[in-house]
Amino acid sequence: MRASLKALESYGAVKIESVVNDANGVQLIQMLFDGLLESLSVAKGHLMHKDKIEKSKALTRAGRIVIGLQGALDLERGGELARNLFELYSYVTRRVLHANLHNDVEAIDEVHGLMSEIRSAWQTMPALVPPNRADQTRGAIN
């Protein structure tokens, strides 16, 4: 039984790595947003069930994802949009920290709503971004 579980976990890790390796930049950002939204939902569930340790783990993960998204911004080439996103991510990071420190469900809901809107915008990106050579080559292989 234990060996089966270990094999299943290994398969899941390989599958995730494969998906990440095959993703383009837009898809990677979308996956980060998906992970962020999932972490926020998990944190809210743990908070509602009074599991502060697991809530804290989920919010810490959410905060790391937001910081990663913020760090991926190209402030030189991204112009005003990148600067606005940088400020939004700074605000979201503060709200996640607040939610964690004060067990604030409303703050989690606020962040979830804000990030859901940004995630929705990223869903339209593939149609707006021309594929680069790597993506064209990958598409020809698949």
C-alpha atoms as a PDB file:
ATOM      1  CA  MET A   1       0.000   0.000   0.000  1.00  0.00           C
ATOM      2  CA  ARG A   2       2.745   2.454   0.978  1.00  0.00           C
ATOM      3  CA  ALA A   3       4.744   1.658  -2.195  1.00  0.00           C
ATOM      4  CA  SER A   4       1.654   2.299  -4.326  1.00  0.00           C
ATOM      5  CA  LEU A   5       1.116   5.671  -2.701  1.00  0.00           C
ATOM      6  CA  LYS A   6       4.758   6.622  -3.231  1.00  0.00           C
ATOM      7  CA  ALA A   7       4.561   5.616  -6.903  1.00  0.00           C
ATOM      8  CA  LEU A   8       1.403   7.649  -7.354  1.00  0.00           C
ATOM      9  CA  GLU A   9       3.035  10.709  -5.769  1.00  0.00           C
ATOM     10  CA  SER A  10       6.056  10.307  -8.063  1.00  0.00           C
ATOM     11  CA  TYR A  11       3.802  10.003 -11.099  1.00  0.00           C
ATOM     12  CA  GLY A  12       1.985  13.191 -10.068  1.00  0.00           C
ATOM     13  CA  ALA A  13       5.273  15.077  -9.674  1.00  0.00           C
ATOM     14  CA  VAL A  14       6.490  13.932 -13.102  1.00  0.00           C
ATOM     15  CA  LYS A  15       3.159  14.846 -14.683  1.00  0.00           C
ATOM     16  CA  ILE A  16       3.276  18.353 -13.177  1.00  0.00           C
ATOM     17  CA  GLU A  17       6.886  18.832 -14.281  1.00  0.00           C
ATOM     18  CA  SER A  18       5.949  17.729 -17.795  1.00  0.00           C
ATOM     19  CA  VAL A  19       3.061  20.205 -17.953  1.00  0.00           C
ATOM     20  CA  VAL A  20       5.319  23.039 -16.750  1.00  0.00           C
ATOM     21  CA  ASN A  21       8.060  22.136 -19.220  1.00  0.00           C
ATOM     22  CA  ASP A  22       5.564  22.191 -22.110  1.00  0.00           C
ATOM     23  CA  ALA A  23       3.929  25.491 -21.101  1.00  0.00           C
ATOM     24  CA  ASN A  24       4.646  28.873 -22.641  1.00  0.00           C
ATOM     25  CA  GLY A  25       4.999  32.074 -20.598  1.00  0.00           C
ATOM     26  CA  VAL A  26       1.303  32.904 -20.628  1.00  0.00           C
ATOM     27  CA  GLN A  27       0.369  29.376 -19.577  1.00  0.00           C
ATOM     28  CA  LEU A  28       2.889  29.498 -16.722  1.00  0.00           C
ATOM     29  CA  ILE A  29       1.381  32.748 -15.443  1.00  0.00           C
ATOM     30  CA  GLN A  30      -2.077  31.203 -15.694  1.00  0.00           C
ATOM     31  CA  MET A  31      -0.875  28.193 -13.677  1.00  0.00           C
ATOM     32  CA  LEU A  32       0.511  30.526 -11.012  1.00  0.00           C
ATOM     33  CA  PHE A  33      -2.840  32.287 -10.774  1.00  0.00           C
ATOM     34  CA  ASP A  34      -4.605  28.937 -10.556  1.00  0.00           C
ATOM     35  CA  GLY A  35      -2.288  27.918  -7.708  1.00  0.00           C
ATOM     36  CA  LEU A  36      -2.826  31.257  -5.989  1.00  0.00           C
ATOM     37  CA  LEU A  37      -6.612  31.025  -6.185  1.00  0.00           C
ATOM     38  CA  GLU A  38      -6.525  27.430  -4.991  1.00  0.00           C
ATOM     39  CA  SER A  39      -4.298  28.370  -2.030  1.00  0.00           C
ATOM     40  CA  LEU A  40      -6.670  31.167  -1.051  1.00  0.00           C
ATOM     41  CA  SER A  41      -9.666  28.822  -1.193  1.00  0.00           C
ATOM     42  CA  VAL A  42      -7.835  26.178   0.832  1.00  0.00           C
ATOM     43  CA  ALA A  43      -6.807  28.800   3.402  1.00  0.00           C
ATOM     44  CA  LYS A  44     -10.401  29.968   3.752  1.00  0.00           C
ATOM     45  CA  GLY A  45     -11.585  26.397   4.270  1.00  0.00           C
ATOM     46  CA  HIS A  46      -8.968  25.777   6.945  1.00  0.00           C
ATOM     47  CA  LEU A  47      -9.830  29.047   8.644  1.00  0.00           C
ATOM     48  CA  MET A  48     -13.525  28.155   8.668  1.00  0.00           C
ATOM     49  CA  HIS A  49     -12.610  24.815  10.291  1.00  0.00           C
ATOM     50  CA  LYS A  50     -10.378  26.543  12.853  1.00  0.00           C
ATOM     51  CA  ASP A  51      -7.185  24.889  11.538  1.00  0.00           C
ATOM     52  CA  LYS A  52      -4.852  27.843  11.916  1.00  0.00           C
ATOM     53  CA  ILE A  53      -1.676  25.918  11.101  1.00  0.00           C
ATOM     54  CA  GLU A  54      -2.919  24.688   7.710  1.00  0.00           C
ATOM     55  CA  LYS A  55      -4.491  28.104   7.038  1.00  0.00           C
ATOM     56  CA  SER A  56      -1.123  29.684   7.635  1.00  0.00           C
ATOM     57  CA  LYS A  57       0.619  27.231   5.282  1.00  0.00           C
ATOM     58  CA  ALA A  58      -1.890  27.943   2.517  1.00  0.00           C
ATOM     59  CA  LEU A  59      -1.650  31.714   2.942  1.00  0.00           C
ATOM     60  CA  THR A  60       2.143  31.539   3.030  1.00  0.00           C
ATOM     61  CA  ARG A  61       2.044  29.670  -0.284  1.00  0.00           C
ATOM     62  CA  ALA A  62      -0.363  32.267  -1.699  1.00  0.00           C
ATOM     63  CA  GLY A  63       1.938  35.071  -0.583  1.00  0.00           C
ATOM     64  CA  ARG A  64       4.955  33.408  -2.212  1.00  0.00           C
ATOM     65  CA  ILE A  65       3.046  33.089  -5.477  1.00  0.00           C
ATOM     66  CA  VAL A  66       2.083  36.780  -5.419  1.00  0.00           C
ATOM     67  CA  ILE A  67       5.687  37.752  -4.751  1.00  0.00           C
ATOM     68  CA  GLY A  68       6.726  35.520  -7.659  1.00  0.00           C
ATOM     69  CA  LEU A  69       4.200  37.182  -9.953  1.00  0.00           C
ATOM     70  CA  GLN A  70       5.441  40.577  -8.823  1.00  0.00           C
ATOM     71  CA  GLY A  71       9.059  39.589  -9.440  1.00  0.00           C
ATOM     72  CA  ALA A  72       8.215  38.438 -12.970  1.00  0.00           C
ATOM     73  CA  LEU A  73       7.062  41.903 -13.994  1.00  0.00           C
ATOM     74  CA  ASP A  74       9.271  43.760 -16.471  1.00  0.00           C
ATOM     75  CA  LEU A  75       8.928  47.295 -15.140  1.00  0.00           C
ATOM     76  CA  GLU A  76      11.067  48.787 -17.921  1.00  0.00           C
ATOM     77  CA  ARG A  77       9.227  47.297 -20.885  1.00  0.00           C
ATOM     78  CA  GLY A  78       5.845  46.879 -19.178  1.00  0.00           C
ATOM     79  CA  GLY A  79       5.236  50.586 -18.697  1.00  0.00           C
ATOM     80  CA  GLU A  80       2.275  51.808 -16.712  1.00  0.00           C
ATOM     81  CA  LEU A  81       0.529  48.423 -16.747  1.00  0.00           C
ATOM     82  CA  ALA A  82       3.515  46.720 -15.094  1.00  0.00           C
ATOM     83  CA  ARG A  83       3.796  49.503 -12.506  1.00  0.00           C
ATOM     84  CA  ASN A  84       0.078  49.226 -11.706  1.00  0.00           C
ATOM     85  CA  LEU A  85       0.337  45.458 -11.346  1.00  0.00           C
ATOM     86  CA  PHE A  86       3.399  45.894  -9.111  1.00  0.00           C
ATOM     87  CA  GLU A  87       1.364  48.145  -6.805  1.00  0.00           C
ATOM     88  CA  LEU A  88      -1.606  45.772  -6.878  1.00  0.00           C
ATOM     89  CA  TYR A  89       0.613  42.807  -5.992  1.00  0.00           C
ATOM     90  CA  SER A  90       2.141  44.834  -3.136  1.00  0.00           C
ATOM     91  CA  TYR A  91      -1.344  45.545  -1.818  1.00  0.00           C
ATOM     92  CA  VAL A  92      -2.380  41.896  -2.208  1.00  0.00           C
ATOM     93  CA  THR A  93       0.732  40.755  -0.340  1.00  0.00           C
ATOM     94  CA  ARG A  94      -0.166  43.061   2.556  1.00  0.00           C
ATOM     95  CA  ARG A  95      -3.766  41.777   2.578  1.00  0.00           C
ATOM     96  CA  VAL A  96      -2.620  38.142   2.582  1.00  0.00           C
ATOM     97  CA  LEU A  97      -0.330  38.890   5.526  1.00  0.00           C
ATOM     98  CA  HIS A  98      -3.186  40.693   7.295  1.00  0.00           C
ATOM     99  CA  ALA A  99      -5.521  37.746   6.650  1.00  0.00           C
ATOM    100  CA  ASN A 100      -2.962  35.369   8.086  1.00  0.00           C
ATOM    101  CA  LEU A 101      -2.239  37.430  11.189  1.00  0.00           C
ATOM    102  CA  HIS A 102      -5.860  38.316  11.953  1.00  0.00           C
ATOM    103  CA  ASN A 103      -7.711  35.255  10.599  1.00  0.00           C
ATOM    104  CA  ASP A 104      -9.658  37.615   8.345  1.00  0.00           C
ATOM    105  CA  VAL A 105     -11.965  35.769   5.936  1.00  0.00           C
ATOM    106  CA  GLU A 106     -13.051  39.044   4.325  1.00  0.00           C
ATOM    107  CA  ALA A 107      -9.440  39.842   3.387  1.00  0.00           C
ATOM    108  CA  ILE A 108      -9.082  36.392   1.804  1.00  0.00           C
ATOM    109  CA  ASP A 109     -12.304  36.956  -0.151  1.00  0.00           C
ATOM    110  CA  GLU A 110     -11.101  40.399  -1.269  1.00  0.00           C
ATOM    111  CA  VAL A 111      -7.789  39.022  -2.527  1.00  0.00           C
ATOM    112  CA  HIS A 112      -9.521  36.089  -4.211  1.00  0.00           C
ATOM    113  CA  GLY A 113     -11.845  38.488  -6.041  1.00  0.00           C
ATOM    114  CA  LEU A 114      -9.022  40.757  -7.181  1.00  0.00           C
ATOM    115  CA  MET A 115      -6.847  37.901  -8.367  1.00  0.00           C
ATOM    116  CA  SER A 116      -9.786  36.188 -10.091  1.00  0.00           C
ATOM    117  CA  GLU A 117     -10.256  39.316 -12.203  1.00  0.00           C
ATOM    118  CA  ILE A 118      -6.569  39.381 -13.147  1.00  0.00           C
ATOM    119  CA  ARG A 119      -6.677  35.637 -13.909  1.00  0.00           C
ATOM    120  CA  SER A 120      -9.650  36.206 -16.211  1.00  0.00           C
ATOM    121  CA  ALA A 121      -7.666  38.837 -18.094  1.00  0.00           C
ATOM    122  CA  TRP A 122      -4.820  36.333 -18.550  1.00  0.00           C
ATOM    123  CA  GLN A 123      -7.290  33.865 -20.087  1.00  0.00           C
ATOM    124  CA  THR A 124      -7.645  36.217 -23.067  1.00  0.00           C
ATOM    125  CA  MET A 125      -3.868  36.624 -23.470  1.00  0.00           C
ATOM    126  CA  PRO A 126      -3.124  33.658 -25.784  1.00  0.00           C
ATOM    127  CA  ALA A 127      -5.299  35.238 -28.457  1.00  0.00           C
ATOM    128  CA  LEU A 128      -3.472  38.560 -28.104  1.00  0.00           C
ATOM    129  CA  VAL A 129       0.136  37.347 -27.926  1.00  0.00           C
ATOM    130  CA  PRO A 130       1.781  36.124 -31.135  1.00  0.00           C
ATOM    131  CA  PRO A 131       3.536  32.797 -30.653  1.00  0.00           C
ATOM    132  CA  ASN A 132       7.314  32.884 -30.512  1.00  0.00           C
ATOM    133  CA  ARG A 133       9.530  30.471 -32.399  1.00  0.00           C
ATOM    134  CA  ALA A 134       9.782  28.066 -29.494  1.00  0.00           C
ATOM    135  CA  ASP A 135       6.008  27.845 -29.276  1.00  0.00           C
ATOM    136  CA  GLN A 136       5.707  27.341 -33.058  1.00  0.00           C
ATOM    137  CA  THR A 137       8.332  24.611 -32.978  1.00  0.00           C
ATOM    138  CA  ARG A 138       6.697  22.939 -30.013  1.00  0.00           C
ATOM    139  CA  GLY A 139       3.336  23.093 -31.794  1.00  0.00           C
ATOM    140  CA  ALA A 140       4.833  21.441 -34.856  1.00  0.00           C
ATOM    141  CA  ILE A 141       6.244  18.620 -32.719  1.00  0.00           C
ATOM    142  CA  ASN A 142       3.054  17.897 -30.785  1.00  0.00           C
END
